[in-house]
Amino acid sequence: MAPEVIVGAGVELTDPHLKALGDRVANTVRAAGEKAIGNVADPRRFPLPAEPDSLERIVRRFYDRQPAGPRRAALQRVMASLVAPRAQRQTELGPLADIELGSRTPVELLAGSVDGLRDLSWLAPPAHSAAAPAAAAAAGALNKTVALRLRRVECKDETGIEIPFIGEPGSDEIELGGTSVDETGDTLTVPRISVGTFDDGDRKGFTPPRRITFFNVREGKVFPKLYQVALVLSERDAGGLAEFLDQLTDKVRDFVEAKLNQILTTGTPIDEYLRKVVAYVVDKVFGWLKSLWGDDLFTPIIVHCTMNTPTGRFKNGTSLQSDEHRLVYEGHHGEYHVFYDWLIGR
């Protein structure tokens, strides 16, 4: 018997056709991002579009908020990629390697002319089981909410480079926030919360656990329901990472939704496809950014909870509270462990 509620972290997209779509959208973001950063070195060759919500402008705002050293390193890597042999560009970006980056037209609009995506209209709609409220109620109380909660944070190594005989300068003021995606693919900002001030070896626990965000399980009648949160750990005011994640997720969601509506048969439910592909793209984009910034970036980690029935519980149907889980954040020459759980409300 399948578990009633499943939790986990990370992103999986096993369907090869949806993966092709996700890769294409992620490469579109990368091409736009390279153009945005290339504009720093050569504005005439890589002009930015006027649209403030274009992918180029979103990436550029994030780039401009980073410290000077990481910006220089990212710029060098991007310029090396932009002048790489065409064969290498095609291996990395596919048909998008031939997009004209000298145009002021946003890359996301140019990508349509070289899209080349296979027709996905034959894909079967995601398998759902319609929830019958009366029958569900007979089996047990209906769930109202499911909340993601912070249990504790441990500092294994504070950020910054250690200075001989002095140590690492200052303490870390750590915040946690992010972006959530509900069962319909709607995205919402998870407000940042202050976790505390940390030095090497410090830990801070929360009793009871502190709620990060929650979802309304009674919204909609179709199960299973997948809830996702991209969690951002950062030092206070460190480079606008949370704001960038919000803007990127919103943009990617709209882009993926438009693509799905374009390539799927009219009337095909897209919610399940949408949320899975959006999470995959966001994860891929931050993987690319990590390759540019290296150790100077805490990448978001996506956690998820799937509720298979309206009365489901954790631990093989025995508990409203999940087990404790751990996330490991490495970046800025530091390492933090974040412990969390999920709680069902009735």
Protein backbone atom coordinates (compact mmCIF):
# COMPACT_ATOMS: atom_id res chain seq x y z
CA MET A 1 0.00 0.00 0.00
CA ALA A 2 1.39 3.40 -0.98
CA PRO A 3 2.17 5.85 1.84
CA GLU A 4 -0.61 8.35 2.50
CA VAL A 5 1.82 11.27 2.66
CA ILE A 6 5.29 11.37 1.10
CA VAL A 7 7.98 13.94 1.86
CA GLY A 8 11.41 14.55 0.41
CA ALA A 9 13.91 17.04 -0.97
CA GLY A 10 15.48 17.63 -4.36
CA VAL A 11 14.01 17.51 -7.85
CA GLU A 12 13.21 14.49 -9.99
CA LEU A 13 11.82 14.63 -13.51
CA THR A 14 11.95 11.16 -15.03
CA ASP A 15 9.63 11.61 -18.01
CA PRO A 16 11.98 12.23 -20.98
CA HIS A 17 9.52 14.52 -22.76
CA LEU A 18 8.90 16.74 -19.75
CA LYS A 19 12.65 16.72 -19.11
CA ALA A 20 13.19 17.95 -22.68
CA LEU A 21 10.81 20.81 -21.98
CA GLY A 22 12.51 21.58 -18.67
CA ASP A 23 15.96 21.54 -20.25
CA ARG A 24 14.80 23.87 -23.01
CA VAL A 25 13.36 26.39 -20.56
CA ALA A 26 16.43 26.18 -18.31
CA ASN A 27 18.68 26.77 -21.32
CA THR A 28 16.55 29.76 -22.28
CA VAL A 29 17.18 31.24 -18.84
CA ARG A 30 20.88 30.49 -19.16
CA ALA A 31 21.14 32.12 -22.59
CA ALA A 32 19.34 35.21 -21.28
CA GLY A 33 21.55 35.23 -18.19
CA GLU A 34 24.75 35.02 -20.19
CA LYS A 35 23.58 37.88 -22.37
CA ALA A 36 22.74 39.95 -19.27
CA ILE A 37 26.16 39.39 -17.69
CA GLY A 38 27.96 39.75 -21.04
CA ASN A 39 26.40 43.21 -21.28
CA VAL A 40 28.70 44.28 -18.44
CA ALA A 41 31.77 43.74 -20.61
CA ASP A 42 30.30 44.63 -24.02
CA PRO A 43 27.00 46.58 -23.93
CA ARG A 44 26.90 47.07 -27.69
CA ARG A 45 27.36 43.40 -28.49
CA PHE A 46 24.92 42.24 -25.79
CA PRO A 47 22.24 44.93 -25.41
CA LEU A 48 19.66 44.50 -22.67
CA PRO A 49 15.96 44.55 -23.57
CA ALA A 50 13.88 47.43 -22.27
CA GLU A 51 11.34 45.15 -20.53
CA PRO A 52 12.02 45.18 -16.76
CA ASP A 53 10.49 41.71 -16.32
CA SER A 54 12.62 40.08 -19.03
CA LEU A 55 14.88 37.22 -18.01
CA GLU A 56 17.90 39.37 -18.85
CA ARG A 57 16.85 42.15 -16.50
CA ILE A 58 15.98 39.69 -13.71
CA VAL A 59 19.40 38.02 -13.88
CA ARG A 60 21.19 41.34 -14.25
CA ARG A 61 19.60 42.79 -11.11
CA PHE A 62 20.78 39.76 -9.16
CA TYR A 63 24.28 40.00 -10.64
CA ASP A 64 24.59 43.70 -9.80
CA ARG A 65 23.81 43.04 -6.13
CA GLN A 66 26.68 40.58 -5.66
CA PRO A 67 30.08 41.53 -4.18
CA ALA A 68 32.76 42.74 -6.60
CA GLY A 69 34.95 39.63 -6.36
CA PRO A 70 32.22 37.09 -7.21
CA ARG A 71 30.95 39.40 -9.98
CA ARG A 72 34.37 39.41 -11.64
CA ALA A 73 34.66 35.64 -11.43
CA ALA A 74 31.16 35.14 -12.88
CA LEU A 75 31.85 37.62 -15.68
CA GLN A 76 35.04 35.79 -16.68
CA ARG A 77 33.23 32.46 -16.84
CA VAL A 78 30.34 33.89 -18.84
CA MET A 79 32.59 35.61 -21.37
CA ALA A 80 34.54 32.37 -21.84
CA SER A 81 31.25 30.60 -22.53
CA LEU A 82 30.05 33.27 -24.96
CA VAL A 83 33.20 32.99 -27.11
CA ALA A 84 33.39 29.19 -26.91
CA PRO A 85 33.37 27.21 -30.20
CA ARG A 86 29.92 26.78 -31.73
CA ALA A 87 30.06 23.01 -31.26
CA GLN A 88 30.58 23.47 -27.52
CA ARG A 89 27.75 25.99 -27.31
CA GLN A 90 25.44 23.58 -29.13
CA THR A 91 26.35 20.79 -26.73
CA GLU A 92 25.44 23.00 -23.78
CA LEU A 93 22.45 24.92 -25.15
CA GLY A 94 21.20 22.89 -28.11
CA PRO A 95 19.41 24.97 -30.79
CA LEU A 96 19.43 27.97 -28.45
CA ALA A 97 23.16 28.33 -29.13
CA ASP A 98 22.21 30.09 -32.37
CA ILE A 99 20.01 32.76 -30.79
CA GLU A 100 21.02 36.28 -31.80
CA LEU A 101 22.25 37.79 -28.56
CA GLY A 102 22.91 41.11 -30.29
CA SER A 103 19.18 41.80 -30.44
CA ARG A 104 17.30 43.89 -27.89
CA THR A 105 14.41 41.44 -28.17
CA PRO A 106 14.16 39.34 -24.97
CA VAL A 107 15.73 35.90 -25.35
CA GLU A 108 12.51 34.22 -24.20
CA LEU A 109 10.77 35.64 -27.30
CA LEU A 110 13.60 34.72 -29.64
CA ALA A 111 13.64 31.17 -28.29
CA GLY A 112 10.26 30.44 -29.87
CA SER A 113 11.70 30.65 -33.37
CA VAL A 114 14.30 27.94 -32.64
CA ASP A 115 12.23 25.98 -30.15
CA GLY A 116 12.26 22.61 -31.87
CA LEU A 117 10.43 20.87 -29.03
CA ARG A 118 8.81 17.59 -29.90
CA ASP A 119 5.04 17.44 -29.86
CA LEU A 120 3.91 16.36 -26.40
CA SER A 121 0.21 16.25 -27.21
CA TRP A 122 0.13 12.45 -26.94
CA LEU A 123 1.05 12.57 -23.25
CA ALA A 124 -1.70 11.14 -21.08
CA PRO A 125 -3.11 13.49 -18.46
CA PRO A 126 -1.57 12.88 -15.00
CA ALA A 127 -3.30 10.09 -13.12
CA HIS A 128 -5.51 11.44 -10.36
CA SER A 129 -8.00 9.92 -8.00
CA ALA A 130 -11.06 12.04 -7.44
CA ALA A 131 -11.64 12.64 -3.77
CA ALA A 132 -15.15 11.94 -2.55
CA PRO A 133 -15.57 14.11 0.57
CA ALA A 134 -18.33 11.97 2.11
CA ALA A 135 -16.37 8.72 1.75
CA ALA A 136 -13.19 10.38 2.96
CA ALA A 137 -14.93 11.72 6.02
CA ALA A 138 -16.09 8.23 6.89
CA ALA A 139 -12.48 7.04 6.87
CA GLY A 140 -11.32 9.80 9.22
CA ALA A 141 -11.17 13.52 9.81
CA LEU A 142 -10.32 15.64 6.77
CA ASN A 143 -7.01 17.43 6.78
CA LYS A 144 -7.15 21.23 6.71
CA THR A 145 -3.54 22.27 6.24
CA VAL A 146 -0.02 20.95 5.94
CA ALA A 147 2.76 23.16 7.32
CA LEU A 148 6.50 23.18 6.78
CA ARG A 149 8.30 23.81 10.09
CA LEU A 150 11.83 24.70 11.14
CA ARG A 151 13.15 22.60 14.02
CA ARG A 152 16.75 23.78 14.36
CA VAL A 153 19.78 25.18 12.54
CA GLU A 154 23.37 24.12 13.13
CA CYS A 155 26.43 26.09 12.02
CA LYS A 156 29.16 23.66 11.08
CA ASP A 157 31.33 26.42 9.61
CA GLU A 158 30.40 30.09 9.53
CA THR A 159 30.78 31.98 6.27
CA GLY A 160 33.97 33.83 5.31
CA ILE A 161 37.62 32.88 4.95
CA GLU A 162 39.49 32.22 8.17
CA ILE A 163 42.35 34.62 8.89
CA PRO A 164 45.39 33.00 10.60
CA PHE A 165 45.53 33.70 14.36
CA ILE A 166 42.31 35.73 14.10
CA GLY A 167 39.66 33.39 12.79
CA GLU A 168 36.65 34.20 10.62
CA PRO A 169 35.58 37.85 10.73
CA GLY A 170 32.26 38.63 12.43
CA SER A 171 29.26 36.41 13.00
CA ASP A 172 26.58 35.28 10.55
CA GLU A 173 23.09 36.75 10.81
CA ILE A 174 21.09 33.99 9.16
CA GLU A 175 17.65 34.26 7.55
CA LEU A 176 15.43 31.63 5.97
CA GLY A 177 12.81 32.30 3.30
CA GLY A 178 11.90 31.09 -0.14
CA THR A 179 9.16 30.50 -2.68
CA SER A 180 6.31 27.99 -2.51
CA VAL A 181 4.44 26.20 -5.30
CA ASP A 182 1.03 24.70 -4.48
CA GLU A 183 -0.95 21.89 -6.09
CA THR A 184 -2.14 24.12 -8.95
CA GLY A 185 1.29 25.56 -9.72
CA ASP A 186 0.60 28.93 -8.07
CA THR A 187 3.73 30.53 -6.62
CA LEU A 188 3.93 32.57 -3.42
CA THR A 189 6.72 34.30 -1.53
CA VAL A 190 7.67 32.65 1.75
CA PRO A 191 8.49 35.64 4.00
CA ARG A 192 12.00 35.61 5.40
CA ILE A 193 12.39 34.82 9.08
CA SER A 194 15.38 35.63 11.24
CA VAL A 195 17.00 32.43 12.47
CA GLY A 196 19.72 33.97 14.66
CA THR A 197 23.39 34.89 14.88
CA PHE A 198 25.92 32.08 14.45
CA ASP A 199 29.59 31.31 14.94
CA ASP A 200 31.31 27.97 14.32
CA GLY A 201 29.58 25.19 16.24
CA ASP A 202 26.52 27.21 17.25
CA ARG A 203 23.06 25.68 17.01
CA LYS A 204 19.61 27.09 17.57
CA GLY A 205 16.53 24.99 18.19
CA PHE A 206 12.86 25.95 18.14
CA THR A 207 10.40 24.46 20.63
CA PRO A 208 7.77 24.14 19.34
CA PRO A 209 9.09 24.08 15.78
CA ARG A 210 8.67 27.39 13.95
CA ARG A 211 6.25 27.43 11.01
CA ILE A 212 7.89 28.49 7.76
CA THR A 213 4.81 28.28 5.53
CA PHE A 214 1.64 26.21 5.08
CA PHE A 215 -0.78 25.02 2.40
CA ASN A 216 -4.57 24.72 2.40
CA VAL A 217 -5.23 21.03 1.71
CA ARG A 218 -8.94 21.64 1.15
CA GLU A 219 -8.30 23.82 -1.86
CA GLY A 220 -9.45 21.66 -4.74
CA LYS A 221 -10.81 18.11 -4.69
CA VAL A 222 -8.26 16.25 -6.84
CA PHE A 223 -5.57 14.06 -5.29
CA PRO A 224 -2.66 13.45 -5.05
CA LYS A 225 -1.56 16.99 -4.18
CA LEU A 226 2.06 18.06 -4.40
CA TYR A 227 3.38 20.99 -2.37
CA GLN A 228 6.86 22.38 -2.94
CA VAL A 229 9.01 25.00 -1.23
CA ALA A 230 12.36 26.30 -2.50
CA LEU A 231 14.10 27.22 0.74
CA VAL A 232 16.70 30.00 0.73
CA LEU A 233 19.26 30.21 3.51
CA SER A 234 21.20 33.46 3.48
CA GLU A 235 22.99 36.04 5.51
CA ARG A 236 20.90 39.14 6.11
CA ASP A 237 20.73 41.33 2.98
CA ALA A 238 23.15 39.00 1.19
CA GLY A 239 22.76 39.77 -2.50
CA GLY A 240 18.98 39.66 -2.88
CA LEU A 241 18.88 35.89 -3.35
CA ALA A 242 15.32 35.50 -2.01
CA GLU A 243 13.96 38.28 -4.23
CA PHE A 244 15.73 36.80 -7.24
CA LEU A 245 14.24 33.37 -6.53
CA ASP A 246 10.74 34.90 -6.36
CA GLN A 247 11.13 36.77 -9.64
CA LEU A 248 12.74 33.80 -11.38
CA THR A 249 10.07 31.34 -10.23
CA ASP A 250 7.23 33.61 -11.30
CA LYS A 251 8.81 34.16 -14.69
CA VAL A 252 9.59 30.48 -15.23
CA ARG A 253 6.08 29.49 -14.15
CA ASP A 254 4.47 31.80 -16.72
CA PHE A 255 6.92 30.65 -19.41
CA VAL A 256 6.36 26.94 -18.71
CA GLU A 257 2.57 27.37 -18.55
CA ALA A 258 2.57 29.10 -21.94
CA LYS A 259 4.70 26.31 -23.42
CA LEU A 260 2.50 23.56 -22.00
CA ASN A 261 -0.64 25.23 -23.34
CA GLN A 262 1.07 25.54 -26.71
CA ILE A 263 2.21 21.93 -27.08
CA LEU A 264 -0.47 19.97 -25.23
CA THR A 265 -3.92 19.14 -26.48
CA THR A 266 -6.54 21.71 -25.50
CA GLY A 267 -8.24 20.70 -22.27
CA THR A 268 -5.33 18.58 -20.96
CA PRO A 269 -4.84 19.24 -17.22
CA ILE A 270 -1.43 20.85 -16.84
CA ASP A 271 -1.15 21.52 -13.09
CA GLU A 272 0.94 18.45 -12.28
CA TYR A 273 3.18 18.96 -15.31
CA LEU A 274 3.53 22.64 -14.47
CA ARG A 275 4.71 22.35 -10.89
CA LYS A 276 7.15 19.54 -11.68
CA VAL A 277 8.74 21.32 -14.63
CA VAL A 278 8.96 24.65 -12.76
CA ALA A 279 10.82 23.00 -9.87
CA TYR A 280 13.14 21.23 -12.31
CA VAL A 281 13.94 24.44 -14.19
CA VAL A 282 14.60 26.46 -11.03
CA ASP A 283 16.92 23.71 -9.77
CA LYS A 284 18.80 23.60 -13.10
CA VAL A 285 19.16 27.38 -13.24
CA PHE A 286 20.68 27.52 -9.77
CA GLY A 287 23.02 24.70 -10.74
CA TRP A 288 24.25 26.92 -13.57
CA LEU A 289 24.56 29.92 -11.24
CA LYS A 290 26.55 27.79 -8.81
CA SER A 291 28.97 27.01 -11.65
CA LEU A 292 29.49 30.76 -12.06
CA TRP A 293 29.66 31.82 -8.42
CA GLY A 294 31.21 28.63 -7.05
CA ASP A 295 31.49 28.76 -3.27
CA ASP A 296 30.06 32.28 -3.13
CA LEU A 297 26.44 31.14 -3.33
CA PHE A 298 24.03 29.24 -1.09
CA THR A 299 21.74 27.57 -3.63
CA PRO A 300 18.07 27.07 -2.67
CA ILE A 301 16.97 23.52 -1.86
CA ILE A 302 13.51 22.33 -2.90
CA VAL A 303 11.52 20.31 -0.36
CA HIS A 304 8.20 18.71 -1.18
CA CYS A 305 5.22 16.97 0.37
CA THR A 306 2.74 14.82 -1.57
CA MET A 307 -0.64 14.12 0.02
CA ASN A 308 -2.30 11.13 -1.63
CA THR A 309 -5.63 11.27 0.24
CA PRO A 310 -7.64 14.00 2.02
CA THR A 311 -7.24 12.14 5.34
CA GLY A 312 -3.65 11.04 4.91
CA ARG A 313 -1.11 10.90 7.74
CA PHE A 314 2.64 10.46 8.00
CA LYS A 315 4.53 7.38 9.24
CA ASN A 316 2.31 4.82 7.50
CA GLY A 317 -0.87 6.59 8.53
CA THR A 318 -0.05 6.83 12.26
CA SER A 319 0.98 10.46 12.80
CA LEU A 320 0.07 14.02 11.88
CA GLN A 321 3.74 14.95 12.19
CA SER A 322 6.47 13.77 9.84
CA ASP A 323 9.93 12.59 10.77
CA GLU A 324 12.69 15.18 11.08
CA HIS A 325 14.69 15.81 7.91
CA ARG A 326 17.99 17.59 7.25
CA LEU A 327 19.20 19.95 4.53
CA VAL A 328 22.86 20.85 4.02
CA TYR A 329 23.75 24.31 2.70
CA GLU A 330 27.32 24.92 1.55
CA GLY A 331 28.51 28.28 0.23
CA HIS A 332 30.33 31.48 1.08
CA HIS A 333 33.06 29.24 2.57
CA GLY A 334 30.56 28.05 5.18
CA GLU A 335 28.27 25.12 5.96
CA TYR A 336 24.88 25.06 7.69
CA HIS A 337 22.53 22.19 8.47
CA VAL A 338 18.79 22.93 8.57
CA PHE A 339 16.38 20.48 10.23
CA TYR A 340 12.68 20.58 9.37
CA ASP A 341 9.46 18.62 9.46
CA TRP A 342 5.86 18.78 8.16
CA LEU A 343 2.73 18.97 10.31
CA ILE A 344 -0.87 18.24 9.26
CA GLY A 345 -3.57 20.46 10.77
CA ARG A 346 -7.15 19.31 11.27
